[in-house]
């Protein structure tokens, strides 16, 4: 299987193996870091039981492969998405792009919640990879980072810019700077975007990304189970 066919499993058995929580064939990130889980396909009754014991009861996002949820699981969100990979993207370091670290976490959490429709950025998210930011007047005005790390790849994530500083090319600069760092360690960039996010799709195509495949982006609610 290509690493990008199931990027969560590839990441948790590869570069992010030190973060993996496992039960049988089910893998997940620590919930305070990321809520992604990976379920093998085809899926057995034992796999579903292991997933419920390891993860439930909570919301769990599943991306990259399409699986049929167990009858007792409630699908709480599903939608079509697109997986893009860099084709002829231009890596370029940027002197104004600074690496964000633990001291920046409170500002990052507030920034992401404010500018990405309330999406959650947990204090441990920085453990997933490199996060870069651009500041103006000491305040964070743009940021971008890495999330999933399948073997040979790194997923661009949390790309956002303060509305007052848009149309200045800040997101483009940060993405190119991240790609430069990925290339130095031998990785290539990929990302996921909602199929109807035409603005983001147009931006990434201009940056040299191409469509690899459509994907399913969804989440399920796992019921409470007795854990042995």
C-alpha atoms as a PDB file:
ATOM      1  CA  UNK A   1       0.000   0.000   0.000  1.00  0.00           C
ATOM      2  CA  UNK A   2       1.199   3.499  -0.823  1.00  0.00           C
ATOM      3  CA  UNK A   3       1.809   5.495   2.417  1.00  0.00           C
ATOM      4  CA  UNK A   4      -0.751   8.090   1.301  1.00  0.00           C
ATOM      5  CA  UNK A   5      -3.492   5.476   0.877  1.00  0.00           C
ATOM      6  CA  UNK A   6      -3.716   5.283   4.676  1.00  0.00           C
ATOM      7  CA  UNK A   7      -1.598   8.209   5.919  1.00  0.00           C
ATOM      8  CA  UNK A   8      -2.557   7.803   9.580  1.00  0.00           C
ATOM      9  CA  UNK A   9      -1.389   4.169   9.716  1.00  0.00           C
ATOM     10  CA  UNK A  10       1.773   4.972   7.766  1.00  0.00           C
ATOM     11  CA  UNK A  11       2.581   7.825  10.143  1.00  0.00           C
ATOM     12  CA  UNK A  12       1.908   5.812  13.310  1.00  0.00           C
ATOM     13  CA  UNK A  13       4.027   2.876  12.116  1.00  0.00           C
ATOM     14  CA  UNK A  14       6.728   5.206  10.727  1.00  0.00           C
ATOM     15  CA  UNK A  15       7.938   8.662  11.792  1.00  0.00           C
ATOM     16  CA  UNK A  16       5.233   9.013  14.470  1.00  0.00           C
ATOM     17  CA  UNK A  17       5.557   5.467  15.849  1.00  0.00           C
ATOM     18  CA  UNK A  18       6.778   6.875  19.178  1.00  0.00           C
ATOM     19  CA  UNK A  19       3.383   8.580  19.573  1.00  0.00           C
ATOM     20  CA  UNK A  20       1.216   5.574  18.690  1.00  0.00           C
ATOM     21  CA  UNK A  21      -1.284   3.932  21.008  1.00  0.00           C
ATOM     22  CA  UNK A  22      -2.188   0.422  19.843  1.00  0.00           C
ATOM     23  CA  UNK A  23      -4.689  -2.327  20.504  1.00  0.00           C
ATOM     24  CA  UNK A  24      -4.555  -5.216  18.061  1.00  0.00           C
ATOM     25  CA  UNK A  25      -4.529  -3.697  14.569  1.00  0.00           C
ATOM     26  CA  UNK A  26      -6.001  -0.380  15.733  1.00  0.00           C
ATOM     27  CA  UNK A  27      -3.701   2.619  16.072  1.00  0.00           C
ATOM     28  CA  UNK A  28      -4.373   6.092  17.360  1.00  0.00           C
ATOM     29  CA  UNK A  29      -2.610   9.246  18.480  1.00  0.00           C
ATOM     30  CA  UNK A  30      -2.816  10.277  22.140  1.00  0.00           C
ATOM     31  CA  UNK A  31      -6.165  12.107  22.318  1.00  0.00           C
ATOM     32  CA  UNK A  32      -4.606  15.248  23.775  1.00  0.00           C
ATOM     33  CA  UNK A  33      -2.442  15.453  20.634  1.00  0.00           C
ATOM     34  CA  UNK A  34      -4.730  14.328  17.810  1.00  0.00           C
ATOM     35  CA  UNK A  35      -7.963  12.327  17.581  1.00  0.00           C
ATOM     36  CA  UNK A  36      -7.141  10.469  14.368  1.00  0.00           C
ATOM     37  CA  UNK A  37      -7.450   6.692  14.454  1.00  0.00           C
ATOM     38  CA  UNK A  38      -6.732   4.126  11.753  1.00  0.00           C
ATOM     39  CA  UNK A  39      -8.909   1.087  11.149  1.00  0.00           C
ATOM     40  CA  UNK A  40      -7.677  -1.677   8.784  1.00  0.00           C
ATOM     41  CA  UNK A  41      -9.627  -2.744   5.735  1.00  0.00           C
ATOM     42  CA  UNK A  42     -11.166  -5.265   5.460  1.00  0.00           C
ATOM     43  CA  UNK A  43     -12.284  -4.874   9.054  1.00  0.00           C
ATOM     44  CA  UNK A  44     -13.070  -7.775  11.382  1.00  0.00           C
ATOM     45  CA  UNK A  45     -15.377  -7.907  14.393  1.00  0.00           C
ATOM     46  CA  UNK A  46     -12.271  -8.085  16.574  1.00  0.00           C
ATOM     47  CA  UNK A  47     -10.969  -4.870  14.993  1.00  0.00           C
ATOM     48  CA  UNK A  48     -14.195  -3.040  15.834  1.00  0.00           C
ATOM     49  CA  UNK A  49     -14.056  -4.323  19.410  1.00  0.00           C
ATOM     50  CA  UNK A  50     -10.426  -3.250  19.753  1.00  0.00           C
ATOM     51  CA  UNK A  51     -11.224   0.205  18.365  1.00  0.00           C
ATOM     52  CA  UNK A  52     -14.099   0.677  20.794  1.00  0.00           C
ATOM     53  CA  UNK A  53     -11.963  -0.452  23.734  1.00  0.00           C
ATOM     54  CA  UNK A  54      -9.021   1.752  22.757  1.00  0.00           C
ATOM     55  CA  UNK A  55     -10.877   4.883  21.721  1.00  0.00           C
ATOM     56  CA  UNK A  56     -14.468   5.036  22.932  1.00  0.00           C
ATOM     57  CA  UNK A  57     -16.623   6.669  23.935  1.00  0.00           C
ATOM     58  CA  UNK A  58     -15.734   9.790  21.954  1.00  0.00           C
ATOM     59  CA  UNK A  59     -15.663  11.370  18.532  1.00  0.00           C
ATOM     60  CA  UNK A  60     -12.989   9.868  16.296  1.00  0.00           C
ATOM     61  CA  UNK A  61     -12.050  11.251  12.872  1.00  0.00           C
ATOM     62  CA  UNK A  62     -11.287   8.722  10.159  1.00  0.00           C
ATOM     63  CA  UNK A  63      -9.662   9.855   6.916  1.00  0.00           C
ATOM     64  CA  UNK A  64      -7.924   8.345   3.946  1.00  0.00           C
ATOM     65  CA  UNK A  65      -9.751   5.023   3.619  1.00  0.00           C
ATOM     66  CA  UNK A  66     -13.447   4.289   3.457  1.00  0.00           C
ATOM     67  CA  UNK A  67     -14.732   1.790   5.997  1.00  0.00           C
ATOM     68  CA  UNK A  68     -18.250   0.814   7.008  1.00  0.00           C
ATOM     69  CA  UNK A  69     -18.828   1.732  10.673  1.00  0.00           C
ATOM     70  CA  UNK A  70     -19.940  -0.946  13.095  1.00  0.00           C
ATOM     71  CA  UNK A  71     -23.762  -0.956  13.472  1.00  0.00           C
ATOM     72  CA  UNK A  72     -23.438   0.306  17.066  1.00  0.00           C
ATOM     73  CA  UNK A  73     -21.328   3.306  16.026  1.00  0.00           C
ATOM     74  CA  UNK A  74     -22.972   6.579  15.096  1.00  0.00           C
ATOM     75  CA  UNK A  75     -21.652   8.503  12.103  1.00  0.00           C
ATOM     76  CA  UNK A  76     -21.491  12.138  13.230  1.00  0.00           C
ATOM     77  CA  UNK A  77     -19.946  13.754  10.197  1.00  0.00           C
ATOM     78  CA  UNK A  78     -18.860  12.755   6.724  1.00  0.00           C
ATOM     79  CA  UNK A  79     -17.951  14.691   3.638  1.00  0.00           C
ATOM     80  CA  UNK A  80     -15.922  14.498   0.448  1.00  0.00           C
ATOM     81  CA  UNK A  81     -12.382  15.786   0.434  1.00  0.00           C
ATOM     82  CA  UNK A  82      -9.358  15.912  -1.826  1.00  0.00           C
ATOM     83  CA  UNK A  83      -5.817  14.712  -1.259  1.00  0.00           C
ATOM     84  CA  UNK A  84      -3.201  16.857  -2.991  1.00  0.00           C
ATOM     85  CA  UNK A  85       0.515  16.207  -3.426  1.00  0.00           C
ATOM     86  CA  UNK A  86       3.272  18.559  -4.480  1.00  0.00           C
ATOM     87  CA  UNK A  87       4.219  18.233  -8.111  1.00  0.00           C
ATOM     88  CA  UNK A  88       6.473  21.177  -8.918  1.00  0.00           C
ATOM     89  CA  UNK A  89       6.187  23.215  -5.716  1.00  0.00           C
ATOM     90  CA  UNK A  90       9.034  25.646  -5.118  1.00  0.00           C
ATOM     91  CA  UNK A  91      10.794  25.312  -1.733  1.00  0.00           C
ATOM     92  CA  UNK A  92      12.069  28.617  -0.401  1.00  0.00           C
ATOM     93  CA  UNK A  93      13.431  29.555   3.015  1.00  0.00           C
ATOM     94  CA  UNK A  94      12.075  32.758   4.577  1.00  0.00           C
ATOM     95  CA  UNK A  95      13.940  34.930   7.069  1.00  0.00           C
ATOM     96  CA  UNK A  96      10.706  36.294   8.524  1.00  0.00           C
ATOM     97  CA  UNK A  97       9.250  32.831   9.188  1.00  0.00           C
ATOM     98  CA  UNK A  98      10.105  31.803  12.757  1.00  0.00           C
ATOM     99  CA  UNK A  99       9.723  28.377  14.307  1.00  0.00           C
ATOM    100  CA  UNK A 100       6.943  28.301  16.885  1.00  0.00           C
ATOM    101  CA  UNK A 101       7.615  26.536  20.158  1.00  0.00           C
ATOM    102  CA  UNK A 102       6.064  25.696  23.532  1.00  0.00           C
ATOM    103  CA  UNK A 103       6.143  29.314  24.711  1.00  0.00           C
ATOM    104  CA  UNK A 104       3.939  30.259  21.747  1.00  0.00           C
ATOM    105  CA  UNK A 105       1.238  27.649  22.433  1.00  0.00           C
ATOM    106  CA  UNK A 106      -1.305  29.909  24.229  1.00  0.00           C
ATOM    107  CA  UNK A 107      -1.174  32.423  21.380  1.00  0.00           C
ATOM    108  CA  UNK A 108      -1.353  29.667  18.729  1.00  0.00           C
ATOM    109  CA  UNK A 109      -4.388  28.013  20.357  1.00  0.00           C
ATOM    110  CA  UNK A 110      -6.256  31.326  20.425  1.00  0.00           C
ATOM    111  CA  UNK A 111      -5.127  32.247  16.904  1.00  0.00           C
ATOM    112  CA  UNK A 112      -6.313  28.969  15.345  1.00  0.00           C
ATOM    113  CA  UNK A 113      -9.648  29.053  17.186  1.00  0.00           C
ATOM    114  CA  UNK A 114     -10.213  32.643  16.057  1.00  0.00           C
ATOM    115  CA  UNK A 115      -9.244  32.262  12.412  1.00  0.00           C
ATOM    116  CA  UNK A 116     -10.143  28.641  11.570  1.00  0.00           C
ATOM    117  CA  UNK A 117     -13.809  28.485  12.567  1.00  0.00           C
ATOM    118  CA  UNK A 118     -13.125  27.460  16.150  1.00  0.00           C
ATOM    119  CA  UNK A 119     -10.995  24.425  15.262  1.00  0.00           C
ATOM    120  CA  UNK A 120      -9.041  22.939  18.114  1.00  0.00           C
ATOM    121  CA  UNK A 121      -5.269  23.229  18.367  1.00  0.00           C
ATOM    122  CA  UNK A 122      -4.119  21.353  21.454  1.00  0.00           C
ATOM    123  CA  UNK A 123      -1.022  22.271  23.466  1.00  0.00           C
ATOM    124  CA  UNK A 124       0.729  19.078  22.266  1.00  0.00           C
ATOM    125  CA  UNK A 125       0.045  19.590  18.551  1.00  0.00           C
ATOM    126  CA  UNK A 126       3.542  21.031  18.083  1.00  0.00           C
ATOM    127  CA  UNK A 127       4.934  17.543  18.740  1.00  0.00           C
ATOM    128  CA  UNK A 128       3.675  16.452  15.314  1.00  0.00           C
ATOM    129  CA  UNK A 129       6.208  18.500  13.361  1.00  0.00           C
ATOM    130  CA  UNK A 130       7.478  21.932  12.439  1.00  0.00           C
ATOM    131  CA  UNK A 131       5.207  24.964  12.857  1.00  0.00           C
ATOM    132  CA  UNK A 132       6.219  28.324  11.446  1.00  0.00           C
ATOM    133  CA  UNK A 133       4.756  31.770  12.004  1.00  0.00           C
ATOM    134  CA  UNK A 134       5.114  35.347  10.857  1.00  0.00           C
ATOM    135  CA  UNK A 135       4.736  38.184  13.340  1.00  0.00           C
ATOM    136  CA  UNK A 136       3.960  41.829  12.836  1.00  0.00           C
ATOM    137  CA  UNK A 137       4.342  44.212  15.738  1.00  0.00           C
ATOM    138  CA  UNK A 138       5.065  41.201  17.931  1.00  0.00           C
ATOM    139  CA  UNK A 139       1.689  39.578  17.198  1.00  0.00           C
ATOM    140  CA  UNK A 140       1.219  36.340  15.273  1.00  0.00           C
ATOM    141  CA  UNK A 141      -0.483  37.156  11.950  1.00  0.00           C
ATOM    142  CA  UNK A 142       0.088  33.963   9.927  1.00  0.00           C
ATOM    143  CA  UNK A 143       1.070  30.367  10.629  1.00  0.00           C
ATOM    144  CA  UNK A 144       1.367  26.939   9.030  1.00  0.00           C
ATOM    145  CA  UNK A 145       2.683  23.578  10.127  1.00  0.00           C
ATOM    146  CA  UNK A 146       2.933  19.816   9.716  1.00  0.00           C
ATOM    147  CA  UNK A 147       0.529  17.169  10.971  1.00  0.00           C
ATOM    148  CA  UNK A 148       0.551  13.582   9.679  1.00  0.00           C
ATOM    149  CA  UNK A 149       3.966  12.151   8.770  1.00  0.00           C
ATOM    150  CA  UNK A 150       3.536   9.096   6.514  1.00  0.00           C
ATOM    151  CA  UNK A 151       6.838   7.608   5.418  1.00  0.00           C
ATOM    152  CA  UNK A 152       8.444   9.996   2.930  1.00  0.00           C
ATOM    153  CA  UNK A 153       5.739  12.633   3.328  1.00  0.00           C
ATOM    154  CA  UNK A 154       4.553  15.441   5.599  1.00  0.00           C
ATOM    155  CA  UNK A 155       1.041  16.880   5.682  1.00  0.00           C
ATOM    156  CA  UNK A 156       0.615  20.640   5.552  1.00  0.00           C
ATOM    157  CA  UNK A 157      -1.840  21.770   8.216  1.00  0.00           C
ATOM    158  CA  UNK A 158      -3.116  24.754  10.226  1.00  0.00           C
ATOM    159  CA  UNK A 159      -2.442  27.194   7.386  1.00  0.00           C
ATOM    160  CA  UNK A 160      -4.147  30.430   8.404  1.00  0.00           C
ATOM    161  CA  UNK A 161      -3.704  34.192   8.178  1.00  0.00           C
ATOM    162  CA  UNK A 162      -5.272  37.018  10.147  1.00  0.00           C
ATOM    163  CA  UNK A 163      -7.881  38.681   7.869  1.00  0.00           C
ATOM    164  CA  UNK A 164      -6.179  42.070   8.305  1.00  0.00           C
ATOM    165  CA  UNK A 165      -2.990  40.644   6.776  1.00  0.00           C
ATOM    166  CA  UNK A 166      -4.376  38.601   3.893  1.00  0.00           C
ATOM    167  CA  UNK A 167      -3.498  39.139   0.233  1.00  0.00           C
ATOM    168  CA  UNK A 168       0.133  39.731   1.207  1.00  0.00           C
ATOM    169  CA  UNK A 169       1.353  36.259   0.258  1.00  0.00           C
ATOM    170  CA  UNK A 170       2.130  35.245   3.846  1.00  0.00           C
ATOM    171  CA  UNK A 171       0.564  31.770   3.583  1.00  0.00           C
ATOM    172  CA  UNK A 172       2.443  31.113   0.346  1.00  0.00           C
ATOM    173  CA  UNK A 173       5.731  32.081   1.979  1.00  0.00           C
ATOM    174  CA  UNK A 174       5.113  29.844   4.973  1.00  0.00           C
ATOM    175  CA  UNK A 175       4.147  26.855   2.835  1.00  0.00           C
ATOM    176  CA  UNK A 176       7.275  27.252   0.717  1.00  0.00           C
ATOM    177  CA  UNK A 177       9.422  27.556   3.838  1.00  0.00           C
ATOM    178  CA  UNK A 178       7.893  24.374   5.270  1.00  0.00           C
ATOM    179  CA  UNK A 179       8.489  22.536   2.002  1.00  0.00           C
ATOM    180  CA  UNK A 180      12.128  23.655   2.092  1.00  0.00           C
ATOM    181  CA  UNK A 181      12.498  22.033   5.514  1.00  0.00           C
ATOM    182  CA  UNK A 182      10.753  18.865   4.350  1.00  0.00           C
ATOM    183  CA  UNK A 183      13.036  18.543   1.343  1.00  0.00           C
ATOM    184  CA  UNK A 184      16.103  18.854   3.582  1.00  0.00           C
ATOM    185  CA  UNK A 185      15.080  15.698   5.441  1.00  0.00           C
ATOM    186  CA  UNK A 186      13.979  13.871   2.269  1.00  0.00           C
ATOM    187  CA  UNK A 187      10.191  14.313   2.566  1.00  0.00           C
ATOM    188  CA  UNK A 188       7.585  15.713   0.182  1.00  0.00           C
ATOM    189  CA  UNK A 189       4.465  17.693   1.018  1.00  0.00           C
ATOM    190  CA  UNK A 190       0.836  16.615   0.776  1.00  0.00           C
ATOM    191  CA  UNK A 191      -2.401  17.945   2.200  1.00  0.00           C
ATOM    192  CA  UNK A 192      -6.124  17.412   2.522  1.00  0.00           C
ATOM    193  CA  UNK A 193      -8.765  19.984   1.633  1.00  0.00           C
ATOM    194  CA  UNK A 194     -12.557  19.948   1.524  1.00  0.00           C
ATOM    195  CA  UNK A 195     -13.744  19.471  -2.038  1.00  0.00           C
ATOM    196  CA  UNK A 196     -15.759  22.715  -1.953  1.00  0.00           C
ATOM    197  CA  UNK A 197     -12.956  24.883  -0.546  1.00  0.00           C
ATOM    198  CA  UNK A 198     -12.282  26.401  -3.954  1.00  0.00           C
ATOM    199  CA  UNK A 199     -10.127  29.222  -2.620  1.00  0.00           C
ATOM    200  CA  UNK A 200      -7.677  26.881  -0.878  1.00  0.00           C
ATOM    201  CA  UNK A 201      -7.680  24.502  -3.833  1.00  0.00           C
ATOM    202  CA  UNK A 202      -6.797  27.306  -6.257  1.00  0.00           C
ATOM    203  CA  UNK A 203      -4.004  28.496  -3.939  1.00  0.00           C
ATOM    204  CA  UNK A 204      -2.395  25.074  -3.684  1.00  0.00           C
ATOM    205  CA  UNK A 205      -2.648  24.457  -7.406  1.00  0.00           C
ATOM    206  CA  UNK A 206      -0.800  27.733  -8.000  1.00  0.00           C
ATOM    207  CA  UNK A 207       1.840  26.566  -5.541  1.00  0.00           C
ATOM    208  CA  UNK A 208       2.454  23.418  -7.590  1.00  0.00           C
ATOM    209  CA  UNK A 209       0.175  20.833  -5.985  1.00  0.00           C
ATOM    210  CA  UNK A 210      -1.943  18.385  -7.967  1.00  0.00           C
ATOM    211  CA  UNK A 211      -4.884  16.182  -7.125  1.00  0.00           C
ATOM    212  CA  UNK A 212      -3.887  12.663  -6.126  1.00  0.00           C
ATOM    213  CA  UNK A 213      -7.325  11.296  -5.259  1.00  0.00           C
ATOM    214  CA  UNK A 214     -10.685  12.049  -3.648  1.00  0.00           C
ATOM    215  CA  UNK A 215     -10.978  10.892  -0.028  1.00  0.00           C
ATOM    216  CA  UNK A 216     -13.670  10.479   2.586  1.00  0.00           C
ATOM    217  CA  UNK A 217     -13.413  12.840   5.550  1.00  0.00           C
ATOM    218  CA  UNK A 218     -15.623  11.884   8.449  1.00  0.00           C
ATOM    219  CA  UNK A 219     -15.976  11.028  12.108  1.00  0.00           C
ATOM    220  CA  UNK A 220     -17.828   8.492  14.205  1.00  0.00           C
ATOM    221  CA  UNK A 221     -18.989   8.386  17.800  1.00  0.00           C
ATOM    222  CA  UNK A 222     -17.846   5.235  19.545  1.00  0.00           C
ATOM    223  CA  UNK A 223     -20.085   3.870  22.305  1.00  0.00           C
ATOM    224  CA  UNK A 224     -19.006   2.954  25.813  1.00  0.00           C
ATOM    225  CA  UNK A 225     -17.736  -0.601  26.181  1.00  0.00           C
ATOM    226  CA  UNK A 226     -16.467  -2.772  28.996  1.00  0.00           C
ATOM    227  CA  UNK A 227     -12.673  -2.688  28.772  1.00  0.00           C
ATOM    228  CA  UNK A 228     -10.826  -5.797  29.926  1.00  0.00           C
END
